[in-house]
Amino acid sequence: MAEQSGSPRRSMYKLVGSPPWKETFRQGCLERMRNSRDRLLNKYRQAGGNLPGRAQSTLLAQELMEEEWNAWHSMESGPEAVAQWEEPMDLAELEEIQQELVDQEQSIISEYEKSLQFDEQCLSIILAEWEANSLICPVCTKYNLRVTSGVVMCQCGLYIPSHSPELTEQKLRACLEDSVNEHSAHCPHTPQFSVTEGTGRKSSLLMSCPVSLPGDPW
């Protein structure tokens, strides 16, 4: 971590506690990282996931260490042992704490990337199935959809009364593909489909995303 005059990092060099208090500081930093998953992933996405080695691995670690130090420093009536700190905290101990935070960062980012890869694979499978001769139901993704006189039906129980007598499987396929492709252009997550019913309205097929706002019903 960069060392600037008057920085929280430099101030930490002047702190010491018995090993239990150093462990408390360490645990506080690790807890902050566990509670900052969304914050870390936002930084990662803003950086485009293209940061080089060390820079990518310290997106949030130093920041959280400084926040934890500031929290300790601002306590009006801290533990009695805090007042007994006299010797400098070893730089190696700070580096060890930072490395633990870096490892947690990498674990969170790795889990996120695996989730994206899984979503991309699922999306590819769905699109491949839709491109096949049979139109797979987007709700259950198991059985084939049938369109008869504009009525959409599936063996899973999906039943959408006619919105348009001219609707065919080909038109429905094109509509679904356009919706999924439009979504995938700005979101890497796999959309989900469900049937929604409104008072006085016919059932509709709704495409939504676990991380984006729900789409309009079809």
Protein backbone atom coordinates (compact mmCIF):
# COMPACT_ATOMS: atom_id res chain seq x y z
CA MET A 1 0.00 0.00 0.00
CA ALA A 2 1.18 3.51 -0.75
CA GLU A 3 2.65 5.37 2.23
CA GLN A 4 1.73 9.06 2.36
CA SER A 5 2.58 11.50 5.13
CA GLY A 6 -0.25 11.60 7.65
CA SER A 7 -2.07 8.71 5.98
CA PRO A 8 -4.03 6.17 8.02
CA ARG A 9 -1.50 3.55 6.89
CA ARG A 10 1.41 5.52 8.35
CA SER A 11 -0.61 6.13 11.51
CA MET A 12 -1.13 2.42 11.91
CA TYR A 13 2.62 1.91 12.12
CA LYS A 14 2.47 3.78 15.43
CA LEU A 15 -0.18 1.53 16.92
CA VAL A 16 0.24 -1.61 18.86
CA GLY A 17 -1.88 -3.83 20.95
CA SER A 18 -1.38 -7.12 22.58
CA PRO A 19 -1.89 -9.93 20.04
CA PRO A 20 -5.64 -10.15 20.88
CA TRP A 21 -6.17 -6.51 19.77
CA LYS A 22 -4.19 -7.02 16.60
CA GLU A 23 -6.40 -10.03 15.95
CA THR A 24 -9.48 -7.86 16.59
CA PHE A 25 -8.27 -5.37 14.00
CA ARG A 26 -7.63 -8.21 11.55
CA GLN A 27 -11.05 -9.74 12.10
CA GLY A 28 -12.67 -6.31 11.69
CA CYS A 29 -10.98 -5.87 8.30
CA LEU A 30 -12.02 -9.35 7.14
CA GLU A 31 -15.60 -8.74 8.25
CA ARG A 32 -15.68 -5.48 6.30
CA MET A 33 -14.59 -7.37 3.18
CA ARG A 34 -17.27 -10.02 3.66
CA ASN A 35 -19.88 -7.28 3.96
CA SER A 36 -18.56 -5.36 0.94
CA ARG A 37 -19.17 -7.92 -1.82
CA ASP A 38 -21.48 -5.67 -3.85
CA ARG A 39 -19.13 -2.72 -3.39
CA LEU A 40 -16.15 -4.79 -4.59
CA LEU A 41 -18.01 -6.14 -7.63
CA ASN A 42 -19.16 -2.63 -8.56
CA LYS A 43 -15.52 -1.52 -8.55
CA TYR A 44 -14.59 -4.58 -10.58
CA ARG A 45 -17.31 -3.93 -13.17
CA GLN A 46 -16.44 -0.23 -13.37
CA ALA A 47 -12.84 -1.21 -14.08
CA GLY A 48 -14.07 -3.51 -16.83
CA GLY A 49 -12.40 -6.51 -15.23
CA ASN A 50 -9.22 -5.63 -17.13
CA LEU A 51 -6.95 -4.37 -14.37
CA PRO A 52 -3.42 -5.81 -14.35
CA GLY A 53 -2.31 -8.24 -11.64
CA ARG A 54 -1.58 -6.27 -8.46
CA ALA A 55 -3.96 -3.39 -9.24
CA GLN A 56 -6.83 -5.81 -9.77
CA SER A 57 -6.04 -7.64 -6.52
CA THR A 58 -6.19 -4.49 -4.37
CA LEU A 59 -9.45 -2.95 -5.51
CA LEU A 60 -10.76 -2.59 -1.97
CA ALA A 61 -8.28 -4.11 0.49
CA GLN A 62 -6.36 -0.95 1.43
CA GLU A 63 -9.52 1.12 1.55
CA LEU A 64 -11.16 -1.27 4.02
CA MET A 65 -8.06 -1.39 6.23
CA GLU A 66 -8.07 2.40 6.45
CA GLU A 67 -11.80 2.44 7.21
CA GLU A 68 -11.34 -0.09 10.00
CA TRP A 69 -8.46 1.96 11.43
CA ASN A 70 -10.56 5.14 11.28
CA ALA A 71 -13.38 3.34 13.07
CA TRP A 72 -11.02 2.34 15.87
CA HIS A 73 -9.47 5.81 15.99
CA SER A 74 -12.85 7.55 16.26
CA MET A 75 -14.13 5.47 19.18
CA GLU A 76 -14.98 7.82 22.06
CA SER A 77 -14.51 5.16 24.70
CA GLY A 78 -12.58 2.24 23.25
CA PRO A 79 -11.41 -0.83 25.15
CA GLU A 80 -9.07 -0.11 28.01
CA ALA A 81 -6.27 -1.99 26.26
CA VAL A 82 -6.32 0.51 23.38
CA ALA A 83 -4.89 3.17 25.66
CA GLN A 84 -1.96 0.90 26.44
CA TRP A 85 -0.65 0.70 22.83
CA GLU A 86 2.95 1.89 22.84
CA GLU A 87 5.12 0.08 20.28
CA PRO A 88 4.83 0.30 16.47
CA MET A 89 2.69 -2.32 14.79
CA ASP A 90 4.95 -4.48 12.64
CA LEU A 91 4.72 -3.68 8.92
CA ALA A 92 4.79 -7.41 8.19
CA GLU A 93 1.59 -7.83 10.22
CA LEU A 94 -0.15 -5.13 8.19
CA GLU A 95 1.04 -6.73 4.96
CA GLU A 96 -0.25 -10.08 6.18
CA ILE A 97 -3.68 -8.60 6.93
CA GLN A 98 -3.77 -6.90 3.53
CA GLN A 99 -2.86 -10.17 1.81
CA GLU A 100 -5.75 -11.92 3.54
CA LEU A 101 -8.08 -9.21 2.26
CA VAL A 102 -6.59 -9.54 -1.24
CA ASP A 103 -7.20 -13.29 -1.12
CA GLN A 104 -10.82 -12.65 -0.14
CA GLU A 105 -11.16 -10.16 -3.00
CA GLN A 106 -9.89 -12.71 -5.48
CA SER A 107 -12.20 -15.39 -4.10
CA ILE A 108 -15.25 -13.11 -4.48
CA ILE A 109 -14.25 -12.05 -7.99
CA SER A 110 -13.52 -15.65 -9.01
CA GLU A 111 -16.95 -16.75 -7.75
CA TYR A 112 -18.57 -13.88 -9.67
CA GLU A 113 -16.73 -14.76 -12.89
CA LYS A 114 -17.74 -18.43 -12.58
CA SER A 115 -21.35 -17.31 -12.14
CA LEU A 116 -21.11 -15.21 -15.31
CA GLN A 117 -19.63 -18.12 -17.24
CA PHE A 118 -22.43 -20.39 -16.06
CA ASP A 119 -25.05 -17.81 -17.08
CA GLU A 120 -23.42 -17.46 -20.50
CA GLN A 121 -23.44 -21.24 -20.96
CA CYS A 122 -27.11 -21.43 -19.96
CA LEU A 123 -27.95 -18.61 -22.35
CA SER A 124 -26.10 -20.36 -25.19
CA ILE A 125 -28.00 -23.58 -24.49
CA ILE A 126 -31.35 -21.77 -24.46
CA LEU A 127 -30.59 -19.98 -27.73
CA ALA A 128 -29.36 -23.22 -29.33
CA GLU A 129 -32.56 -24.98 -28.31
CA TRP A 130 -34.68 -22.17 -29.68
CA GLU A 131 -32.81 -22.36 -32.97
CA ALA A 132 -33.63 -26.06 -33.26
CA ASN A 133 -36.80 -27.20 -34.99
CA SER A 134 -38.77 -27.48 -31.77
CA LEU A 135 -39.65 -24.37 -29.78
CA ILE A 136 -38.63 -25.06 -26.16
CA CYS A 137 -40.83 -23.56 -23.44
CA PRO A 138 -38.82 -20.69 -21.91
CA VAL A 139 -40.55 -21.15 -18.53
CA CYS A 140 -39.76 -24.83 -17.84
CA THR A 141 -37.00 -25.23 -20.52
CA LYS A 142 -37.99 -28.92 -20.77
CA TYR A 143 -40.97 -29.34 -23.05
CA ASN A 144 -41.94 -27.98 -26.46
CA LEU A 145 -44.29 -25.05 -26.85
CA ARG A 146 -47.30 -25.39 -29.09
CA VAL A 147 -49.13 -22.51 -30.68
CA THR A 148 -52.67 -23.27 -31.85
CA SER A 149 -54.96 -20.50 -33.13
CA GLY A 150 -52.75 -18.00 -31.33
CA VAL A 151 -52.96 -19.88 -28.00
CA VAL A 152 -49.58 -20.73 -26.44
CA MET A 153 -49.45 -24.02 -24.50
CA CYS A 154 -46.88 -26.26 -22.88
CA GLN A 155 -46.97 -29.64 -21.16
CA CYS A 156 -45.63 -27.97 -17.99
CA GLY A 157 -48.98 -26.22 -17.57
CA LEU A 158 -48.22 -22.94 -19.33
CA TYR A 159 -51.34 -21.64 -21.06
CA ILE A 160 -51.56 -18.18 -22.58
CA PRO A 161 -54.85 -17.34 -24.31
CA SER A 162 -54.70 -15.79 -27.72
CA HIS A 163 -53.40 -12.25 -27.94
CA SER A 164 -53.34 -12.51 -31.69
CA PRO A 165 -54.95 -15.25 -33.83
CA GLU A 166 -52.13 -14.75 -36.35
CA LEU A 167 -49.47 -15.78 -33.84
CA THR A 168 -47.39 -18.77 -34.98
CA GLU A 169 -44.47 -20.68 -33.49
CA GLN A 170 -42.15 -18.92 -35.94
CA LYS A 171 -43.35 -15.47 -34.85
CA LEU A 172 -43.16 -16.42 -31.18
CA ARG A 173 -39.64 -17.78 -31.65
CA ALA A 174 -38.52 -14.55 -33.34
CA CYS A 175 -40.07 -12.47 -30.55
CA LEU A 176 -38.35 -14.50 -27.83
CA GLU A 177 -34.98 -14.45 -29.59
CA ASP A 178 -35.16 -10.68 -30.10
CA SER A 179 -35.99 -10.15 -26.41
CA VAL A 180 -33.15 -12.39 -25.19
CA ASN A 181 -30.61 -10.90 -27.59
CA GLU A 182 -31.58 -7.36 -26.61
CA HIS A 183 -31.17 -8.26 -22.94
CA SER A 184 -27.82 -10.00 -23.44
CA ALA A 185 -26.49 -6.90 -25.22
CA HIS A 186 -26.40 -4.99 -21.94
CA CYS A 187 -26.54 -7.67 -19.22
CA PRO A 188 -24.45 -10.87 -18.90
CA HIS A 189 -26.98 -12.68 -16.72
CA THR A 190 -29.47 -15.24 -18.01
CA PRO A 191 -33.03 -13.89 -18.17
CA GLN A 192 -35.88 -15.86 -16.67
CA PHE A 193 -39.42 -16.32 -17.95
CA SER A 194 -42.66 -16.60 -16.03
CA VAL A 195 -46.38 -16.21 -16.62
CA THR A 196 -48.06 -13.19 -15.10
CA GLU A 197 -51.75 -12.53 -14.71
CA GLY A 198 -53.41 -9.19 -14.10
CA THR A 199 -56.96 -8.34 -13.09
CA GLY A 200 -59.04 -8.07 -16.23
CA ARG A 201 -56.05 -8.94 -18.40
CA LYS A 202 -55.02 -12.05 -20.26
CA SER A 203 -52.04 -14.04 -19.07
CA SER A 204 -48.74 -12.77 -20.38
CA LEU A 205 -45.24 -14.15 -20.72
CA LEU A 206 -42.85 -12.02 -18.65
CA MET A 207 -39.08 -11.94 -19.11
CA SER A 208 -37.14 -10.74 -16.08
CA CYS A 209 -33.56 -10.71 -14.81
CA PRO A 210 -32.30 -11.41 -11.26
CA VAL A 211 -30.09 -8.28 -11.37
CA SER A 212 -31.99 -6.00 -13.77
CA LEU A 213 -35.42 -4.46 -13.68
CA PRO A 214 -38.26 -6.75 -14.87
CA GLY A 215 -39.07 -6.55 -18.54
CA ASP A 216 -42.39 -5.74 -20.10
CA PRO A 217 -44.91 -8.59 -20.37
CA TRP A 218 -45.37 -10.11 -23.81
